[in-house]
PDB file of N, CA and C in Angstrom:
ATOM      1  N   MET A   1     116.831 107.315  83.989  1.00  0.00           N
ATOM      2  CA  MET A   1     116.735 107.382  85.427  1.00  0.00           C
ATOM      3  C   MET A   1     118.093 107.770  85.992  1.00  0.00           C
ATOM      4  N   ASN A   2     118.081 108.729  86.913  1.00  0.00           N
ATOM      5  CA  ASN A   2     119.287 109.135  87.615  1.00  0.00           C
ATOM      6  C   ASN A   2     119.078 108.975  89.108  1.00  0.00           C
ATOM      7  N   ILE A   3     120.085 108.446  89.769  1.00  0.00           N
ATOM      8  CA  ILE A   3     120.060 108.435  91.228  1.00  0.00           C
ATOM      9  C   ILE A   3     120.746 109.725  91.641  1.00  0.00           C
ATOM     10  N   THR A   4     119.978 110.625  92.220  1.00  0.00           N
ATOM     11  CA  THR A   4     120.482 111.955  92.535  1.00  0.00           C
ATOM     12  C   THR A   4     120.991 112.081  93.960  1.00  0.00           C
ATOM     13  N   ASP A   5     120.713 111.106  94.815  1.00  0.00           N
ATOM     14  CA  ASP A   5     121.234 111.125  96.181  1.00  0.00           C
ATOM     15  C   ASP A   5     121.223 109.716  96.740  1.00  0.00           C
ATOM     16  N   VAL A   6     122.286 109.386  97.464  1.00  0.00           N
ATOM     17  CA  VAL A   6     122.367 108.108  98.188  1.00  0.00           C
ATOM     18  C   VAL A   6     122.794 108.436  99.604  1.00  0.00           C
ATOM     19  N   ARG A   7     122.019 107.972 100.556  1.00  0.00           N
ATOM     20  CA  ARG A   7     122.363 108.163 101.969  1.00  0.00           C
ATOM     21  C   ARG A   7     122.571 106.798 102.603  1.00  0.00           C
ATOM     22  N   ILE A   8     123.660 106.697 103.348  1.00  0.00           N
ATOM     23  CA  ILE A   8     124.053 105.429 103.965  1.00  0.00           C
ATOM     24  C   ILE A   8     124.089 105.596 105.476  1.00  0.00           C
ATOM     25  N   ARG A   9     123.481 104.649 106.166  1.00  0.00           N
ATOM     26  CA  ARG A   9     123.593 104.583 107.627  1.00  0.00           C
ATOM     27  C   ARG A   9     124.276 103.259 107.954  1.00  0.00           C
ATOM     28  N   ILE A  10     125.519 103.360 108.435  1.00  0.00           N
ATOM     29  CA  ILE A  10     126.300 102.173 108.785  1.00  0.00           C
ATOM     30  C   ILE A  10     125.687 101.521 110.024  1.00  0.00           C
ATOM     31  N   VAL A  11     125.580 100.191 109.991  1.00  0.00           N
ATOM     32  CA  VAL A  11     125.079  99.423 111.140  1.00  0.00           C
ATOM     33  C   VAL A  11     126.280  98.839 111.856  1.00  0.00           C
ATOM     34  N   LYS A  12     126.386  99.108 113.154  1.00  0.00           N
ATOM     35  CA  LYS A  12     127.573  98.701 113.919  1.00  0.00           C
ATOM     36  C   LYS A  12     127.265  97.566 114.888  1.00  0.00           C
ATOM     37  N   LYS A  13     126.638  96.524 114.401  1.00  0.00           N
ATOM     38  CA  LYS A  13     126.372  95.348 115.240  1.00  0.00           C
ATOM     39  C   LYS A  13     127.431  94.298 114.945  1.00  0.00           C
ATOM     40  N   GLU A  14     128.054  93.808 116.005  1.00  0.00           N
ATOM     41  CA  GLU A  14     129.022  92.714 115.853  1.00  0.00           C
ATOM     42  C   GLU A  14     128.273  91.460 115.404  1.00  0.00           C
ATOM     43  N   ASP A  15     128.922  90.639 114.609  1.00  0.00           N
ATOM     44  CA  ASP A  15     128.370  89.357 114.158  1.00  0.00           C
ATOM     45  C   ASP A  15     127.070  89.497 113.379  1.00  0.00           C
ATOM     46  N   SER A  16     126.868  90.617 112.709  1.00  0.00           N
ATOM     47  CA  SER A  16     125.669  90.802 111.888  1.00  0.00           C
ATOM     48  C   SER A  16     126.074  90.887 110.425  1.00  0.00           C
ATOM     49  N   LYS A  17     125.306  90.238 109.574  1.00  0.00           N
ATOM     50  CA  LYS A  17     125.561  90.331 108.140  1.00  0.00           C
ATOM     51  C   LYS A  17     125.040  91.653 107.570  1.00  0.00           C
ATOM     52  N   LEU A  18     124.111  92.296 108.269  1.00  0.00           N
ATOM     53  CA  LEU A  18     123.607  93.606 107.860  1.00  0.00           C
ATOM     54  C   LEU A  18     124.673  94.645 108.167  1.00  0.00           C
ATOM     55  N   LYS A  19     125.162  95.318 107.140  1.00  0.00           N
ATOM     56  CA  LYS A  19     126.258  96.273 107.313  1.00  0.00           C
ATOM     57  C   LYS A  19     125.808  97.725 107.214  1.00  0.00           C
ATOM     58  N   ALA A  20     124.712  97.994 106.491  1.00  0.00           N
ATOM     59  CA  ALA A  20     124.235  99.369 106.346  1.00  0.00           C
ATOM     60  C   ALA A  20     122.801  99.358 105.831  1.00  0.00           C
ATOM     61  N   VAL A  21     122.163 100.511 105.982  1.00  0.00           N
ATOM     62  CA  VAL A  21     120.836 100.727 105.417  1.00  0.00           C
ATOM     63  C   VAL A  21     120.936 101.982 104.550  1.00  0.00           C
ATOM     64  N   ALA A  22     120.402 101.907 103.351  1.00  0.00           N
ATOM     65  CA  ALA A  22     120.522 103.008 102.394  1.00  0.00           C
ATOM     66  C   ALA A  22     119.160 103.563 102.015  1.00  0.00           C
ATOM     67  N   SER A  23     119.186 104.828 101.619  1.00  0.00           N
ATOM     68  CA  SER A  23     118.036 105.478 100.986  1.00  0.00           C
ATOM     69  C   SER A  23     118.543 106.090  99.694  1.00  0.00           C
ATOM     70  N   ILE A  24     117.771 105.944  98.631  1.00  0.00           N
ATOM     71  CA  ILE A  24     118.157 106.565  97.364  1.00  0.00           C
ATOM     72  C   ILE A  24     117.062 107.523  96.916  1.00  0.00           C
ATOM     73  N   THR A  25     117.494 108.598  96.262  1.00  0.00           N
ATOM     74  CA  THR A  25     116.558 109.523  95.630  1.00  0.00           C
ATOM     75  C   THR A  25     116.733 109.379  94.127  1.00  0.00           C
ATOM     76  N   ILE A  26     115.623 109.211  93.432  1.00  0.00           N
ATOM     77  CA  ILE A  26     115.632 109.041  91.987  1.00  0.00           C
ATOM     78  C   ILE A  26     115.097 110.316  91.350  1.00  0.00           C
ATOM     79  N   ASP A  27     115.900 110.895  90.447  1.00  0.00           N
ATOM     80  CA  ASP A  27     115.522 112.088  89.686  1.00  0.00           C
ATOM     81  C   ASP A  27     115.016 113.233  90.568  1.00  0.00           C
ATOM     82  N   ASN A  28     115.589 113.379  91.747  1.00  0.00           N
ATOM     83  CA  ASN A  28     115.200 114.442  92.688  1.00  0.00           C
ATOM     84  C   ASN A  28     113.709 114.461  93.011  1.00  0.00           C
ATOM     85  N   CYS A  29     112.999 113.332  92.817  1.00  0.00           N
ATOM     86  CA  CYS A  29     111.554 113.381  93.056  1.00  0.00           C
ATOM     87  C   CYS A  29     110.951 112.112  93.655  1.00  0.00           C
ATOM     88  N   PHE A  30     111.734 111.050  93.849  1.00  0.00           N
ATOM     89  CA  PHE A  30     111.183 109.819  94.403  1.00  0.00           C
ATOM     90  C   PHE A  30     112.240 109.174  95.289  1.00  0.00           C
ATOM     91  N   VAL A  31     111.854 108.805  96.517  1.00  0.00           N
ATOM     92  CA  VAL A  31     112.802 108.233  97.469  1.00  0.00           C
ATOM     93  C   VAL A  31     112.410 106.797  97.803  1.00  0.00           C
ATOM     94  N   VAL A  32     113.426 105.935  97.901  1.00  0.00           N
ATOM     95  CA  VAL A  32     113.238 104.568  98.378  1.00  0.00           C
ATOM     96  C   VAL A  32     114.118 104.417  99.613  1.00  0.00           C
ATOM     97  N   HIS A  33     113.489 104.115 100.755  1.00  0.00           N
ATOM     98  CA  HIS A  33     114.188 103.938 102.025  1.00  0.00           C
ATOM     99  C   HIS A  33     114.361 102.448 102.328  1.00  0.00           C
ATOM    100  N   ASP A  34     115.196 102.163 103.297  1.00  0.00           N
ATOM    101  CA  ASP A  34     115.373 100.818 103.868  1.00  0.00           C
ATOM    102  C   ASP A  34     115.906  99.779 102.889  1.00  0.00           C
ATOM    103  N   ILE A  35     116.829 100.191 102.036  1.00  0.00           N
ATOM    104  CA  ILE A  35     117.544  99.227 101.198  1.00  0.00           C
ATOM    105  C   ILE A  35     118.723  98.743 102.031  1.00  0.00           C
ATOM    106  N   LYS A  36     118.818  97.443 102.228  1.00  0.00           N
ATOM    107  CA  LYS A  36     119.839  96.884 103.116  1.00  0.00           C
ATOM    108  C   LYS A  36     121.101  96.511 102.342  1.00  0.00           C
ATOM    109  N   VAL A  37     122.255  96.781 102.943  1.00  0.00           N
ATOM    110  CA  VAL A  37     123.542  96.315 102.433  1.00  0.00           C
ATOM    111  C   VAL A  37     123.943  95.141 103.320  1.00  0.00           C
ATOM    112  N   ILE A  38     124.083  93.980 102.700  1.00  0.00           N
ATOM    113  CA  ILE A  38     124.326  92.739 103.432  1.00  0.00           C
ATOM    114  C   ILE A  38     125.636  92.119 102.953  1.00  0.00           C
ATOM    115  N   GLU A  39     126.388  91.576 103.903  1.00  0.00           N
ATOM    116  CA  GLU A  39     127.623  90.883 103.557  1.00  0.00           C
ATOM    117  C   GLU A  39     127.314  89.410 103.337  1.00  0.00           C
ATOM    118  N   GLY A  40     127.554  88.941 102.124  1.00  0.00           N
ATOM    119  CA  GLY A  40     127.315  87.548 101.781  1.00  0.00           C
ATOM    120  C   GLY A  40     128.621  86.809 101.570  1.00  0.00           C
ATOM    121  N   ALA A  41     128.525  85.556 101.223  1.00  0.00           N
ATOM    122  CA  ALA A  41     129.702  84.719 101.005  1.00  0.00           C
ATOM    123  C   ALA A  41     130.558  85.222  99.846  1.00  0.00           C
ATOM    124  N   GLU A  42     129.918  85.886  98.872  1.00  0.00           N
ATOM    125  CA  GLU A  42     130.646  86.362  97.690  1.00  0.00           C
ATOM    126  C   GLU A  42     130.757  87.879  97.655  1.00  0.00           C
ATOM    127  N   GLY A  43     130.666  88.522  98.794  1.00  0.00           N
ATOM    128  CA  GLY A  43     130.789  89.976  98.847  1.00  0.00           C
ATOM    129  C   GLY A  43     129.480  90.631  99.261  1.00  0.00           C
ATOM    130  N   TYR A  44     129.428  91.938  99.102  1.00  0.00           N
ATOM    131  CA  TYR A  44     128.245  92.692  99.501  1.00  0.00           C
ATOM    132  C   TYR A  44     127.169  92.640  98.425  1.00  0.00           C
ATOM    133  N   PHE A  45     125.915  92.653  98.883  1.00  0.00           N
ATOM    134  CA  PHE A  45     124.789  92.768  97.966  1.00  0.00           C
ATOM    135  C   PHE A  45     123.723  93.609  98.635  1.00  0.00           C
ATOM    136  N   ILE A  46     122.709  93.993  97.863  1.00  0.00           N
ATOM    137  CA  ILE A  46     121.629  94.796  98.425  1.00  0.00           C
ATOM    138  C   ILE A  46     120.347  93.978  98.477  1.00  0.00           C
ATOM    139  N   ALA A  47     119.503  94.320  99.436  1.00  0.00           N
ATOM    140  CA  ALA A  47     118.167  93.727  99.549  1.00  0.00           C
ATOM    141  C   ALA A  47     117.180  94.893  99.578  1.00  0.00           C
ATOM    142  N   MET A  48     116.214  94.843  98.712  1.00  0.00           N
ATOM    143  CA  MET A  48     115.235  95.913  98.612  1.00  0.00           C
ATOM    144  C   MET A  48     114.300  95.875  99.823  1.00  0.00           C
ATOM    145  N   PRO A  49     113.624  96.989 100.108  1.00  0.00           N
ATOM    146  CA  PRO A  49     112.709  97.019 101.255  1.00  0.00           C
ATOM    147  C   PRO A  49     111.622  95.953 101.109  1.00  0.00           C
ATOM    148  N   SER A  50     111.313  95.305 102.224  1.00  0.00           N
ATOM    149  CA  SER A  50     110.328  94.224 102.169  1.00  0.00           C
ATOM    150  C   SER A  50     109.483  94.219 103.432  1.00  0.00           C
ATOM    151  N   ARG A  51     108.416  93.417 103.371  1.00  0.00           N
ATOM    152  CA  ARG A  51     107.574  93.234 104.552  1.00  0.00           C
ATOM    153  C   ARG A  51     107.263  91.754 104.683  1.00  0.00           C
ATOM    154  N   LYS A  52     106.977  91.354 105.905  1.00  0.00           N
ATOM    155  CA  LYS A  52     106.667  89.954 106.183  1.00  0.00           C
ATOM    156  C   LYS A  52     105.181  89.716 105.960  1.00  0.00           C
ATOM    157  N   THR A  53     104.851  88.674 105.199  1.00  0.00           N
ATOM    158  CA  THR A  53     103.454  88.335 104.936  1.00  0.00           C
ATOM    159  C   THR A  53     102.907  87.480 106.073  1.00  0.00           C
ATOM    160  N   ASN A  54     101.606  87.236 106.053  1.00  0.00           N
ATOM    161  CA  ASN A  54     100.970  86.422 107.091  1.00  0.00           C
ATOM    162  C   ASN A  54     101.509  84.995 107.152  1.00  0.00           C
ATOM    163  N   ASP A  55     102.009  84.485 106.019  1.00  0.00           N
ATOM    164  CA  ASP A  55     102.550  83.120 106.027  1.00  0.00           C
ATOM    165  C   ASP A  55     104.055  83.076 106.296  1.00  0.00           C
ATOM    166  N   GLY A  56     104.635  84.211 106.737  1.00  0.00           N
ATOM    167  CA  GLY A  56     106.028  84.237 107.149  1.00  0.00           C
ATOM    168  C   GLY A  56     107.036  84.530 106.056  1.00  0.00           C
ATOM    169  N   GLU A  57     106.591  84.700 104.822  1.00  0.00           N
ATOM    170  CA  GLU A  57     107.497  85.028 103.729  1.00  0.00           C
ATOM    171  C   GLU A  57     107.743  86.529 103.698  1.00  0.00           C
ATOM    172  N   TYR A  58     108.865  86.909 103.107  1.00  0.00           N
ATOM    173  CA  TYR A  58     109.151  88.332 102.905  1.00  0.00           C
ATOM    174  C   TYR A  58     108.924  88.673 101.442  1.00  0.00           C
ATOM    175  N   LYS A  59     108.206  89.754 101.191  1.00  0.00           N
ATOM    176  CA  LYS A  59     107.919  90.224  99.834  1.00  0.00           C
ATOM    177  C   LYS A  59     108.463  91.636  99.684  1.00  0.00           C
ATOM    178  N   ASP A  60     109.146  91.889  98.563  1.00  0.00           N
ATOM    179  CA  ASP A  60     109.655  93.231  98.307  1.00  0.00           C
ATOM    180  C   ASP A  60     108.506  94.215  98.176  1.00  0.00           C
ATOM    181  N   ILE A  61     108.691  95.390  98.765  1.00  0.00           N
ATOM    182  CA  ILE A  61     107.710  96.468  98.650  1.00  0.00           C
ATOM    183  C   ILE A  61     107.971  97.254  97.368  1.00  0.00           C
ATOM    184  N   ALA A  62     109.241  97.512  97.097  1.00  0.00           N
ATOM    185  CA  ALA A  62     109.658  98.215  95.884  1.00  0.00           C
ATOM    186  C   ALA A  62     110.887  97.498  95.350  1.00  0.00           C
ATOM    187  N   HIS A  63     110.970  97.359  94.040  1.00  0.00           N
ATOM    188  CA  HIS A  63     112.121  96.675  93.462  1.00  0.00           C
ATOM    189  C   HIS A  63     112.256  97.012  91.987  1.00  0.00           C
ATOM    190  N   PRO A  64     113.478  96.896  91.450  1.00  0.00           N
ATOM    191  CA  PRO A  64     113.691  97.119  90.015  1.00  0.00           C
ATOM    192  C   PRO A  64     113.027  96.008  89.208  1.00  0.00           C
ATOM    193  N   ILE A  65     112.604  96.348  88.017  1.00  0.00           N
ATOM    194  CA  ILE A  65     111.927  95.372  87.164  1.00  0.00           C
ATOM    195  C   ILE A  65     112.908  94.596  86.289  1.00  0.00           C
ATOM    196  N   ASN A  66     114.073  95.185  86.023  1.00  0.00           N
ATOM    197  CA  ASN A  66     115.014  94.476  85.154  1.00  0.00           C
ATOM    198  C   ASN A  66     116.419  94.451  85.766  1.00  0.00           C
ATOM    199  N   THR A  67     117.248  93.577  85.245  1.00  0.00           N
ATOM    200  CA  THR A  67     118.595  93.363  85.767  1.00  0.00           C
ATOM    201  C   THR A  67     119.456  94.607  85.618  1.00  0.00           C
ATOM    202  N   GLU A  68     119.333  95.302  84.514  1.00  0.00           N
ATOM    203  CA  GLU A  68     120.136  96.507  84.272  1.00  0.00           C
ATOM    204  C   GLU A  68     119.895  97.555  85.367  1.00  0.00           C
ATOM    205  N   THR A  69     118.652  97.767  85.708  1.00  0.00           N
ATOM    206  CA  THR A  69     118.316  98.751  86.742  1.00  0.00           C
ATOM    207  C   THR A  69     118.786  98.285  88.106  1.00  0.00           C
ATOM    208  N   ARG A  70     118.612  97.001  88.417  1.00  0.00           N
ATOM    209  CA  ARG A  70     119.085  96.468  89.696  1.00  0.00           C
ATOM    210  C   ARG A  70     120.591  96.649  89.828  1.00  0.00           C
ATOM    211  N   GLU A  71     121.342  96.340  88.786  1.00  0.00           N
ATOM    212  CA  GLU A  71     122.801  96.485  88.820  1.00  0.00           C
ATOM    213  C   GLU A  71     123.206  97.947  88.991  1.00  0.00           C
ATOM    214  N   PHE A  72     122.502  98.857  88.323  1.00  0.00           N
ATOM    215  CA  PHE A  72     122.782 100.281  88.446  1.00  0.00           C
ATOM    216  C   PHE A  72     122.578 100.746  89.887  1.00  0.00           C
ATOM    217  N   ILE A  73     121.448 100.373  90.488  1.00  0.00           N
ATOM    218  CA  ILE A  73     121.158 100.748  91.873  1.00  0.00           C
ATOM    219  C   ILE A  73     122.187 100.130  92.819  1.00  0.00           C
ATOM    220  N   LYS A  74     122.481  98.859  92.625  1.00  0.00           N
ATOM    221  CA  LYS A  74     123.463  98.164  93.463  1.00  0.00           C
ATOM    222  C   LYS A  74     124.827  98.845  93.394  1.00  0.00           C
ATOM    223  N   THR A  75     125.283  99.174  92.205  1.00  0.00           N
ATOM    224  CA  THR A  75     126.579  99.821  92.019  1.00  0.00           C
ATOM    225  C   THR A  75     126.639 101.158  92.745  1.00  0.00           C
ATOM    226  N   GLU A  76     125.607 101.970  92.601  1.00  0.00           N
ATOM    227  CA  GLU A  76     125.585 103.283  93.238  1.00  0.00           C
ATOM    228  C   GLU A  76     125.551 103.170  94.761  1.00  0.00           C
ATOM    229  N   ILE A  77     124.763 102.252  95.288  1.00  0.00           N
ATOM    230  CA  ILE A  77     124.678 102.080  96.742  1.00  0.00           C
ATOM    231  C   ILE A  77     125.983 101.547  97.301  1.00  0.00           C
ATOM    232  N   LEU A  78     126.565 100.534  96.667  1.00  0.00           N
ATOM    233  CA  LEU A  78     127.808  99.963  97.188  1.00  0.00           C
ATOM    234  C   LEU A  78     128.965 100.949  97.086  1.00  0.00           C
ATOM    235  N   LYS A  79     128.965 101.800  96.064  1.00  0.00           N
ATOM    236  CA  LYS A  79     129.985 102.840  95.957  1.00  0.00           C
ATOM    237  C   LYS A  79     129.856 103.818  97.137  1.00  0.00           C
ATOM    238  N   ALA A  80     128.642 104.244  97.439  1.00  0.00           N
ATOM    239  CA  ALA A  80     128.409 105.149  98.571  1.00  0.00           C
ATOM    240  C   ALA A  80     128.733 104.458  99.897  1.00  0.00           C
ATOM    241  N   PHE A  81     128.444 103.167  99.997  1.00  0.00           N
ATOM    242  CA  PHE A  81     128.750 102.400 101.204  1.00  0.00           C
ATOM    243  C   PHE A  81     130.259 102.363 101.449  1.00  0.00           C
ATOM    244  N   GLU A  82     131.030 102.106 100.411  1.00  0.00           N
ATOM    245  CA  GLU A  82     132.493 102.071 100.551  1.00  0.00           C
ATOM    246  C   GLU A  82     133.030 103.434 100.971  1.00  0.00           C
ATOM    247  N   GLU A  83     132.480 104.505 100.406  1.00  0.00           N
ATOM    248  CA  GLU A  83     132.883 105.867 100.797  1.00  0.00           C
ATOM    249  C   GLU A  83     132.555 106.135 102.259  1.00  0.00           C
ATOM    250  N   ALA A  84     131.395 105.697 102.703  1.00  0.00           N
ATOM    251  CA  ALA A  84     130.976 105.898 104.100  1.00  0.00           C
ATOM    252  C   ALA A  84     131.880 105.121 105.052  1.00  0.00           C
ATOM    253  N   LYS A  85     132.281 103.913 104.655  1.00  0.00           N
ATOM    254  CA  LYS A  85     133.196 103.120 105.489  1.00  0.00           C
ATOM    255  C   LYS A  85     134.542 103.805 105.610  1.00  0.00           C
ATOM    256  N   ARG A  86     135.062 104.326 104.495  1.00  0.00           N
ATOM    257  CA  ARG A  86     136.349 105.028 104.526  1.00  0.00           C
ATOM    258  C   ARG A  86     136.269 106.279 105.402  1.00  0.00           C
ATOM    259  N   ALA A  87     135.150 106.992 105.332  1.00  0.00           N
ATOM    260  CA  ALA A  87     134.986 108.217 106.114  1.00  0.00           C
ATOM    261  C   ALA A  87     134.955 107.924 107.611  1.00  0.00           C
ATOM    262  N   GLU A  88     134.467 106.751 107.982  1.00  0.00           N
ATOM    263  CA  GLU A  88     134.397 106.375 109.400  1.00  0.00           C
ATOM    264  C   GLU A  88     135.738 105.928 109.952  1.00  0.00           C
ATOM    265  N   ALA A  89     136.589 105.433 109.067  1.00  0.00           N
ATOM    266  CA  ALA A  89     137.890 104.865 109.516  1.00  0.00           C
ATOM    267  C   ALA A  89     138.844 105.931 109.991  1.00  0.00           C
TER     268      ALA A  89
END
């Protein structure tokens, strides 16, 4: 699997833990939108696209099946996020 494109939209809300929203393209043929970049107590992390269920819980719509893939996606998105932040400065 190759991530062939990462697009970052910086979120400029004061006092928000949500810092950006990303879209990734996999192998030039599959896109996942609305991956959130969130600032946590131990640094930035990603949250996969989700929807709210009838009982108020959030369930991922799309997500990696294993840790290796999640880490790969996270690394690529956070790298693009840092580049986007530098470009804005």
